[in-house]
Amino acid sequence: MEAKSYGSLIEVYRGSLWEAELVKGLLESAGVSAMLKDESLGVITSPYNEVGGQILVMVNKEEEVYARKVVERRQA
């Protein structure tokens, strides 16, 4: 996955809404501030429908390395 930068925020995960919520929760329980960003308006009208776009999990640049380790442990 190629990381995209949004100012001081870095994308560390991309997936469906429920996966992104799970990753966000894991990051926050590990002490990393995280936020979700949607890539399409379809998610607003149907948040749990897979037809919508991908949801990005974003963290501050300063926490990127640790956040990626948390995400990698989840995927292993």
N, C-alpha and C. Protein backbone atom coordinates (compact mmCIF):
# COMPACT_ATOMS: atom_id res chain seq x y z
N MET A 1 0.84 -1.19 0.00
CA MET A 1 0.00 0.00 0.00
C MET A 1 0.88 1.24 0.00
N GLU A 2 0.60 2.13 -0.90
CA GLU A 2 1.34 3.39 -0.96
C GLU A 2 0.69 4.40 -0.02
N ALA A 3 1.48 4.94 0.90
CA ALA A 3 0.94 5.89 1.87
C ALA A 3 0.73 7.24 1.21
N LYS A 4 -0.36 7.88 1.58
CA LYS A 4 -0.63 9.23 1.10
C LYS A 4 -0.56 10.17 2.28
N SER A 5 -0.09 11.37 2.04
CA SER A 5 0.03 12.35 3.10
C SER A 5 -1.08 13.39 2.94
N TYR A 6 -1.72 13.74 4.04
CA TYR A 6 -2.77 14.75 4.06
C TYR A 6 -2.36 15.81 5.07
N GLY A 7 -1.43 16.68 4.71
CA GLY A 7 -0.90 17.66 5.65
C GLY A 7 -0.07 16.95 6.70
N SER A 8 -0.47 17.05 7.95
CA SER A 8 0.27 16.39 9.01
C SER A 8 -0.27 15.00 9.30
N LEU A 9 -1.24 14.53 8.50
CA LEU A 9 -1.82 13.20 8.69
C LEU A 9 -1.30 12.23 7.65
N ILE A 10 -1.11 10.98 8.06
CA ILE A 10 -0.62 9.92 7.18
C ILE A 10 -1.62 8.76 7.19
N GLU A 11 -1.89 8.21 6.02
CA GLU A 11 -2.75 7.04 5.91
C GLU A 11 -1.97 5.81 6.34
N VAL A 12 -2.53 5.03 7.30
CA VAL A 12 -1.87 3.80 7.74
C VAL A 12 -2.69 2.56 7.44
N TYR A 13 -3.95 2.76 7.05
CA TYR A 13 -4.80 1.61 6.72
C TYR A 13 -5.93 2.08 5.82
N ARG A 14 -6.41 1.16 4.98
CA ARG A 14 -7.51 1.43 4.07
C ARG A 14 -8.37 0.18 3.99
N GLY A 15 -9.68 0.33 4.17
CA GLY A 15 -10.57 -0.83 4.10
C GLY A 15 -12.01 -0.42 4.25
N SER A 16 -12.86 -1.41 4.53
CA SER A 16 -14.29 -1.14 4.72
C SER A 16 -14.48 -0.39 6.03
N LEU A 17 -15.68 0.13 6.24
CA LEU A 17 -15.96 0.91 7.44
C LEU A 17 -15.72 0.10 8.70
N TRP A 18 -16.21 -1.13 8.75
CA TRP A 18 -16.06 -1.91 9.98
C TRP A 18 -14.60 -2.26 10.23
N GLU A 19 -13.83 -2.55 9.18
CA GLU A 19 -12.40 -2.84 9.36
C GLU A 19 -11.66 -1.59 9.85
N ALA A 20 -11.98 -0.45 9.25
CA ALA A 20 -11.33 0.80 9.64
C ALA A 20 -11.66 1.16 11.09
N GLU A 21 -12.91 0.95 11.50
CA GLU A 21 -13.29 1.21 12.89
C GLU A 21 -12.50 0.31 13.84
N LEU A 22 -12.32 -0.96 13.46
CA LEU A 22 -11.55 -1.89 14.27
C LEU A 22 -10.11 -1.43 14.40
N VAL A 23 -9.48 -1.08 13.28
CA VAL A 23 -8.09 -0.62 13.30
C VAL A 23 -7.96 0.66 14.11
N LYS A 24 -8.90 1.58 13.94
CA LYS A 24 -8.87 2.83 14.72
C LYS A 24 -8.92 2.52 16.21
N GLY A 25 -9.79 1.60 16.61
CA GLY A 25 -9.89 1.21 18.01
C GLY A 25 -8.60 0.58 18.52
N LEU A 26 -7.99 -0.27 17.71
CA LEU A 26 -6.71 -0.88 18.10
C LEU A 26 -5.63 0.18 18.29
N LEU A 27 -5.57 1.12 17.37
CA LEU A 27 -4.58 2.19 17.47
C LEU A 27 -4.81 3.02 18.72
N GLU A 28 -6.05 3.39 18.96
CA GLU A 28 -6.35 4.23 20.13
C GLU A 28 -6.07 3.49 21.43
N SER A 29 -6.32 2.16 21.46
CA SER A 29 -6.01 1.40 22.67
C SER A 29 -4.51 1.27 22.87
N ALA A 30 -3.73 1.45 21.79
CA ALA A 30 -2.28 1.43 21.88
C ALA A 30 -1.72 2.83 22.13
N GLY A 31 -2.59 3.81 22.32
CA GLY A 31 -2.16 5.17 22.63
C GLY A 31 -1.91 6.07 21.44
N VAL A 32 -2.36 5.66 20.26
CA VAL A 32 -2.16 6.44 19.04
C VAL A 32 -3.47 7.14 18.68
N SER A 33 -3.44 8.45 18.53
CA SER A 33 -4.63 9.18 18.08
C SER A 33 -4.86 8.88 16.61
N ALA A 34 -6.09 8.49 16.27
CA ALA A 34 -6.40 8.13 14.89
C ALA A 34 -7.74 8.72 14.51
N MET A 35 -7.93 8.92 13.21
CA MET A 35 -9.21 9.41 12.70
C MET A 35 -9.54 8.68 11.41
N LEU A 36 -10.80 8.70 11.04
CA LEU A 36 -11.26 8.06 9.81
C LEU A 36 -11.55 9.12 8.77
N LYS A 37 -11.27 8.78 7.52
CA LYS A 37 -11.57 9.66 6.39
C LYS A 37 -12.18 8.79 5.31
N ASP A 38 -13.35 9.18 4.81
CA ASP A 38 -13.96 8.39 3.74
C ASP A 38 -13.55 8.95 2.39
N GLU A 39 -13.59 8.07 1.39
CA GLU A 39 -13.18 8.48 0.05
C GLU A 39 -14.36 8.66 -0.89
N SER A 40 -15.58 8.43 -0.42
CA SER A 40 -16.72 8.63 -1.30
C SER A 40 -17.94 9.04 -0.50
N LEU A 41 -18.85 9.72 -1.12
CA LEU A 41 -20.09 10.11 -0.46
C LEU A 41 -21.04 8.94 -0.30
N GLY A 42 -20.79 7.83 -1.01
CA GLY A 42 -21.64 6.65 -0.88
C GLY A 42 -21.63 6.10 0.52
N VAL A 43 -20.58 6.31 1.24
CA VAL A 43 -20.47 5.81 2.60
C VAL A 43 -21.45 6.55 3.51
N ILE A 44 -21.71 7.80 3.22
CA ILE A 44 -22.62 8.58 4.05
C ILE A 44 -24.04 8.03 3.97
N THR A 45 -24.48 7.65 2.79
CA THR A 45 -25.84 7.18 2.63
C THR A 45 -26.00 5.71 3.02
N SER A 46 -24.94 4.95 2.96
CA SER A 46 -25.02 3.53 3.28
C SER A 46 -23.71 3.08 3.91
N PRO A 47 -23.49 3.37 5.20
CA PRO A 47 -22.20 3.16 5.82
C PRO A 47 -21.72 1.71 5.91
N TYR A 48 -22.63 0.74 5.96
CA TYR A 48 -22.19 -0.64 6.10
C TYR A 48 -22.34 -1.43 4.81
N ASN A 49 -22.58 -0.74 3.73
CA ASN A 49 -22.70 -1.36 2.43
C ASN A 49 -21.34 -1.36 1.75
N GLU A 50 -20.91 -2.49 1.26
CA GLU A 50 -19.59 -2.60 0.62
C GLU A 50 -19.50 -1.84 -0.70
N VAL A 51 -20.62 -1.31 -1.20
CA VAL A 51 -20.61 -0.57 -2.46
C VAL A 51 -19.87 0.75 -2.29
N GLY A 52 -19.89 1.32 -1.10
CA GLY A 52 -19.23 2.59 -0.85
C GLY A 52 -17.73 2.50 -1.02
N GLY A 53 -17.07 3.63 -0.96
CA GLY A 53 -15.63 3.68 -1.12
C GLY A 53 -14.90 3.19 0.11
N GLN A 54 -13.62 3.21 0.01
CA GLN A 54 -12.75 2.77 1.09
C GLN A 54 -12.66 3.85 2.17
N ILE A 55 -12.46 3.40 3.39
CA ILE A 55 -12.27 4.29 4.52
C ILE A 55 -10.79 4.28 4.88
N LEU A 56 -10.22 5.46 5.09
CA LEU A 56 -8.82 5.58 5.45
C LEU A 56 -8.69 5.80 6.94
N VAL A 57 -7.70 5.15 7.56
CA VAL A 57 -7.36 5.41 8.95
C VAL A 57 -6.12 6.29 8.92
N MET A 58 -6.23 7.46 9.53
CA MET A 58 -5.18 8.46 9.48
C MET A 58 -4.59 8.69 10.87
N VAL A 59 -3.27 8.91 10.91
CA VAL A 59 -2.59 9.24 12.17
C VAL A 59 -1.65 10.41 11.92
N ASN A 60 -1.19 11.03 12.99
CA ASN A 60 -0.20 12.10 12.88
C ASN A 60 1.12 11.54 12.37
N LYS A 61 1.85 12.33 11.59
CA LYS A 61 3.15 11.90 11.05
C LYS A 61 4.07 11.37 12.14
N GLU A 62 4.05 12.02 13.31
CA GLU A 62 4.95 11.66 14.40
C GLU A 62 4.68 10.25 14.93
N GLU A 63 3.46 9.75 14.74
CA GLU A 63 3.09 8.43 15.26
C GLU A 63 3.03 7.36 14.18
N GLU A 64 3.44 7.70 12.97
CA GLU A 64 3.30 6.79 11.83
C GLU A 64 4.00 5.45 12.03
N VAL A 65 5.25 5.46 12.44
CA VAL A 65 6.02 4.22 12.55
C VAL A 65 5.37 3.26 13.55
N TYR A 66 5.03 3.78 14.72
CA TYR A 66 4.40 2.93 15.74
C TYR A 66 3.03 2.45 15.27
N ALA A 67 2.26 3.33 14.64
CA ALA A 67 0.93 2.97 14.15
C ALA A 67 1.02 1.85 13.11
N ARG A 68 1.97 1.93 12.22
CA ARG A 68 2.14 0.87 11.21
C ARG A 68 2.46 -0.47 11.87
N LYS A 69 3.26 -0.45 12.94
CA LYS A 69 3.58 -1.70 13.65
C LYS A 69 2.33 -2.28 14.27
N VAL A 70 1.48 -1.44 14.84
CA VAL A 70 0.22 -1.92 15.43
C VAL A 70 -0.66 -2.55 14.35
N VAL A 71 -0.78 -1.89 13.21
CA VAL A 71 -1.60 -2.39 12.10
C VAL A 71 -1.01 -3.69 11.56
N GLU A 72 0.30 -3.79 11.41
CA GLU A 72 0.93 -5.00 10.90
C GLU A 72 0.70 -6.18 11.83
N ARG A 73 0.75 -5.96 13.14
CA ARG A 73 0.49 -7.03 14.11
C ARG A 73 -0.94 -7.55 13.96
N ARG A 74 -1.88 -6.66 13.67
CA ARG A 74 -3.26 -7.07 13.50
C ARG A 74 -3.42 -7.94 12.25
N GLN A 75 -2.69 -7.62 11.20
CA GLN A 75 -2.82 -8.33 9.93
C GLN A 75 -2.05 -9.65 9.91
N ALA A 76 -1.14 -9.84 10.86
CA ALA A 76 -0.34 -11.08 10.88
C ALA A 76 -1.11 -12.26 11.40
